[in-house]
């Protein structure tokens, strides 16, 4: 039987064409008034997950 995609994970992570698993940077939901504009811009970018975590996420998303 084919593995189903975990919908909660598909909303939180993005898998690039080359197979990298990207995630949001933490710390961009609240307390933004004390953060500099430079810091807030840096928080918008996606960052790559570690290889060990990426393997787990890919497996749960049904993409080997």
N, C-alpha and C. Protein backbone atom coordinates (compact mmCIF):
# COMPACT_ATOMS: atom_id res chain seq x y z
N UNK A 1 0.84 -1.18 0.00
CA UNK A 1 0.00 0.00 0.00
C UNK A 1 0.89 1.25 0.00
N UNK A 2 0.47 2.23 -0.73
CA UNK A 2 1.22 3.48 -0.84
C UNK A 2 1.09 4.30 0.44
N UNK A 3 2.21 4.90 0.88
CA UNK A 3 2.19 5.73 2.09
C UNK A 3 1.50 7.05 1.82
N UNK A 4 0.66 7.48 2.77
CA UNK A 4 -0.03 8.76 2.62
C UNK A 4 0.86 9.88 3.16
N UNK A 5 0.72 11.05 2.57
CA UNK A 5 1.44 12.23 3.02
C UNK A 5 0.82 12.74 4.31
N UNK A 6 1.66 13.06 5.29
CA UNK A 6 1.18 13.69 6.51
C UNK A 6 0.92 15.15 6.18
N UNK A 7 -0.34 15.54 6.16
CA UNK A 7 -0.71 16.88 5.72
C UNK A 7 -0.13 17.97 6.61
N UNK A 8 -0.02 17.69 7.92
CA UNK A 8 0.54 18.70 8.82
C UNK A 8 2.00 18.99 8.47
N UNK A 9 2.72 17.96 8.03
CA UNK A 9 4.13 18.15 7.65
C UNK A 9 4.26 18.84 6.31
N UNK A 10 3.35 18.54 5.39
CA UNK A 10 3.44 19.15 4.07
C UNK A 10 3.22 20.65 4.13
N UNK A 11 2.54 21.11 5.19
CA UNK A 11 2.31 22.55 5.36
C UNK A 11 3.50 23.23 6.03
N UNK A 12 4.29 22.47 6.77
CA UNK A 12 5.40 23.04 7.52
C UNK A 12 6.74 22.95 6.81
N UNK A 13 6.90 21.98 5.93
CA UNK A 13 8.18 21.76 5.27
C UNK A 13 8.02 21.78 3.76
N UNK A 14 9.13 22.12 3.09
CA UNK A 14 9.13 22.13 1.63
C UNK A 14 10.31 21.28 1.18
N UNK A 15 10.07 20.40 0.22
CA UNK A 15 11.16 19.59 -0.33
C UNK A 15 11.53 20.17 -1.69
N UNK A 16 12.80 20.55 -1.83
CA UNK A 16 13.25 21.16 -3.07
C UNK A 16 13.44 20.09 -4.14
N UNK A 17 13.69 20.54 -5.34
CA UNK A 17 13.87 19.62 -6.47
C UNK A 17 15.10 18.74 -6.27
N UNK A 18 16.10 19.26 -5.57
CA UNK A 18 17.32 18.48 -5.32
C UNK A 18 17.19 17.58 -4.10
N UNK A 19 16.06 17.66 -3.38
CA UNK A 19 15.82 16.76 -2.25
C UNK A 19 16.10 17.35 -0.88
N UNK A 20 16.46 18.62 -0.81
CA UNK A 20 16.68 19.25 0.49
C UNK A 20 15.34 19.50 1.16
N UNK A 21 15.32 19.38 2.49
CA UNK A 21 14.10 19.68 3.25
C UNK A 21 14.31 21.04 3.89
N UNK A 22 13.43 21.98 3.56
CA UNK A 22 13.54 23.35 4.04
C UNK A 22 12.45 23.60 5.08
N UNK A 23 12.79 24.44 6.08
CA UNK A 23 11.82 24.80 7.11
C UNK A 23 11.93 26.28 7.43
N UNK A 24 10.91 26.78 8.15
CA UNK A 24 10.90 28.16 8.59
C UNK A 24 11.90 28.38 9.71
N UNK A 25 12.38 29.60 9.82
CA UNK A 25 13.24 29.98 10.94
C UNK A 25 12.32 30.29 12.12
N UNK A 26 12.71 29.89 13.32
CA UNK A 26 11.89 30.16 14.50
C UNK A 26 12.03 31.62 14.91
N UNK A 27 11.03 32.13 15.63
CA UNK A 27 11.13 33.47 16.21
C UNK A 27 10.55 34.58 15.37
N UNK A 28 9.60 34.26 14.50
CA UNK A 28 9.03 35.35 13.68
C UNK A 28 7.53 35.54 13.91
N UNK A 29 7.01 35.00 15.00
CA UNK A 29 5.57 35.11 15.25
C UNK A 29 5.19 36.25 16.19
N UNK A 30 6.02 36.53 17.19
CA UNK A 30 5.68 37.60 18.11
C UNK A 30 6.95 38.22 18.67
N UNK A 31 6.80 39.29 19.44
CA UNK A 31 7.93 40.06 19.98
C UNK A 31 8.80 40.63 18.86
N UNK A 32 8.16 41.07 17.79
CA UNK A 32 8.91 41.56 16.63
C UNK A 32 9.34 43.02 16.78
N UNK A 33 8.70 43.75 17.69
CA UNK A 33 9.02 45.17 17.82
C UNK A 33 10.45 45.39 18.33
N UNK A 34 10.96 44.46 19.09
CA UNK A 34 12.33 44.60 19.62
C UNK A 34 13.39 44.11 18.65
N UNK A 35 12.96 43.46 17.57
CA UNK A 35 13.92 42.93 16.60
C UNK A 35 14.18 43.96 15.50
N UNK A 36 15.41 44.00 15.01
CA UNK A 36 15.76 44.95 13.97
C UNK A 36 15.17 44.51 12.63
N UNK A 37 15.07 45.45 11.71
CA UNK A 37 14.54 45.15 10.38
C UNK A 37 15.41 44.11 9.69
N UNK A 38 16.71 44.22 9.88
CA UNK A 38 17.65 43.26 9.29
C UNK A 38 17.37 41.84 9.80
N UNK A 39 17.14 41.73 11.10
CA UNK A 39 16.85 40.43 11.72
C UNK A 39 15.53 39.87 11.19
N UNK A 40 14.52 40.74 11.07
CA UNK A 40 13.20 40.29 10.60
C UNK A 40 13.26 39.82 9.14
N UNK A 41 14.07 40.49 8.33
CA UNK A 41 14.23 40.04 6.94
C UNK A 41 14.91 38.68 6.89
N UNK A 42 15.89 38.48 7.75
CA UNK A 42 16.61 37.21 7.80
C UNK A 42 15.70 36.07 8.24
N UNK A 43 14.72 36.37 9.07
CA UNK A 43 13.79 35.36 9.57
C UNK A 43 12.82 34.87 8.49
N UNK A 44 12.63 35.65 7.44
CA UNK A 44 11.69 35.27 6.37
C UNK A 44 12.20 34.12 5.53
N UNK A 45 13.52 33.94 5.46
CA UNK A 45 14.10 32.93 4.58
C UNK A 45 13.92 31.52 5.15
N UNK A 46 13.85 30.56 4.27
CA UNK A 46 13.79 29.16 4.67
C UNK A 46 15.21 28.65 4.88
N UNK A 47 15.38 27.73 5.83
CA UNK A 47 16.70 27.15 6.05
C UNK A 47 16.62 25.64 5.89
N UNK A 48 17.75 25.06 5.55
CA UNK A 48 17.82 23.62 5.31
C UNK A 48 17.92 22.87 6.63
N UNK A 49 17.25 21.74 6.70
CA UNK A 49 17.30 20.91 7.90
C UNK A 49 18.52 20.00 7.87
N UNK A 50 18.89 19.48 9.03
CA UNK A 50 20.03 18.57 9.11
C UNK A 50 19.69 17.28 8.38
N UNK A 51 20.70 16.57 7.88
CA UNK A 51 20.45 15.33 7.13
C UNK A 51 19.66 14.28 7.90
N UNK A 52 19.94 14.15 9.20
CA UNK A 52 19.23 13.13 9.99
C UNK A 52 17.75 13.48 10.13
N UNK A 53 17.45 14.75 10.36
CA UNK A 53 16.05 15.18 10.47
C UNK A 53 15.36 15.13 9.11
N UNK A 54 16.08 15.48 8.06
CA UNK A 54 15.52 15.47 6.71
C UNK A 54 15.04 14.08 6.33
N UNK A 55 15.83 13.08 6.71
CA UNK A 55 15.49 11.69 6.40
C UNK A 55 14.16 11.31 7.04
N UNK A 56 13.96 11.71 8.30
CA UNK A 56 12.72 11.41 9.02
C UNK A 56 11.52 12.10 8.38
N UNK A 57 11.70 13.37 8.04
CA UNK A 57 10.61 14.16 7.45
C UNK A 57 10.22 13.59 6.09
N UNK A 58 11.22 13.28 5.25
CA UNK A 58 10.94 12.71 3.93
C UNK A 58 10.16 11.41 4.05
N UNK A 59 10.52 10.59 5.02
CA UNK A 59 9.85 9.30 5.22
C UNK A 59 8.40 9.52 5.63
N UNK A 60 8.15 10.46 6.52
CA UNK A 60 6.79 10.75 6.98
C UNK A 60 5.94 11.38 5.87
N UNK A 61 6.58 12.10 4.96
CA UNK A 61 5.85 12.73 3.87
C UNK A 61 5.64 11.77 2.70
N UNK A 62 6.19 10.57 2.81
CA UNK A 62 6.00 9.57 1.76
C UNK A 62 6.89 9.77 0.55
N UNK A 63 7.99 10.53 0.75
CA UNK A 63 8.92 10.78 -0.36
C UNK A 63 10.29 10.26 0.04
N UNK A 64 10.70 9.20 -0.60
CA UNK A 64 11.98 8.57 -0.24
C UNK A 64 13.10 9.15 -1.04
